[in-house]
Amino acid sequence: MVCVIPVQAALAAPLKLSWRRFAGGASHCDIDALQRPRDEKPATSGERRMSIETQEVTYTAGDTQAHGVLAVPAGHDKVPGVAIFADIMGLGKQTKAWGQRIADELGYLALAADVYGGGASPKDFPEGMAWLNALLKNPDQLAARAGGALKVLHAHPRCNGKVGAIGFCFGGSTVLAIVRDGNPDLAAGVSFHGGLQTNKRAQKGKVPAKVLVLTGAEDPMVTHDHIADFLNEMRDAEADCQTIAYTGAVHSFTNPDADGRMMPGIKFHEPTNRRSWQAMKTHFEEVFA
């Protein structure tokens, strides 16, 4: 979906947590829809259900009660956590599937987070734009909601204290807003085809998270000028930031449902989807070591 301009975030307010397992244990989502490399044999759904557990999570995030979906890997050891922020359409099947894949393959706690409140998703793109614009007009509200997801992970008994975040399109912009805010709860942030522009830039020496930005070199919504300006911003802030621009890729390159019919510049790109997953994995392995 369409990228939006990220805004400066503020630290999240204290939150209350409640945990509830889905009936029957894990709730399966179509991980294969995320397009694993074709030479990789996927686990069967039964094997996935044995390896991870899915829980509903209700938590106070700023001014709302948020409803996320947490995937917990097998075992009892302490592991890192990753929050996943969705595109403009909110918490849907793809975001949940990413959470299950991260828990299943990487062994991390993975929270598919809710920034709209109540686990709601807009009924269509125009409604999504209205919700999104309302949040962008109040960056402190957006930051509190996003930061609440990080606190959920830190509070989980399986978390080892190392927490990252990833996001797609608007979700990528949300991750960068948390990064720019200097939220100490975040160790590593990854933006997939997220907007890079902002009206409040990162401050020198105040970006503790290590950042990875994955963007399409031919994305009409994230221009080469935007990329250059973002790199200058990260340099001036003395941030630890890697930025990869993939030729051949436009916007929404991780979304198998993006077929270019809505707009030629919004289209899935299998090689970049595969390579960006590996780049994210390597980034987390380095930061969480």
Foldseek 3Di string as FASTA:
>chain_A
DAFDAFEAEAAADDKDKDKAFDPPWADDAPLCQLPAPPVDDDDDPVVLRVFKTKIWMWMDFFPATWIKIKIAGDDQAAAAEEEEEEALQFQDRVLVSVRSCCCRPVVHIYIDTGQQHPRDGDPDDVVSVVSVVVCRVPNHSSNSRVNRVLVVQCPDNRHPQAYAYEYARHGLSSQVSCQLNLHPSHAEYEYEQHQQHYPDARAAPRRNHAYEYEHAQAAPNCHPVSVVVSVVRCVNNVHNYHYDYHYPAYGCQSRCVQCCPVHVRHHHDNVSSNVVVVVVSVRCVVRVD
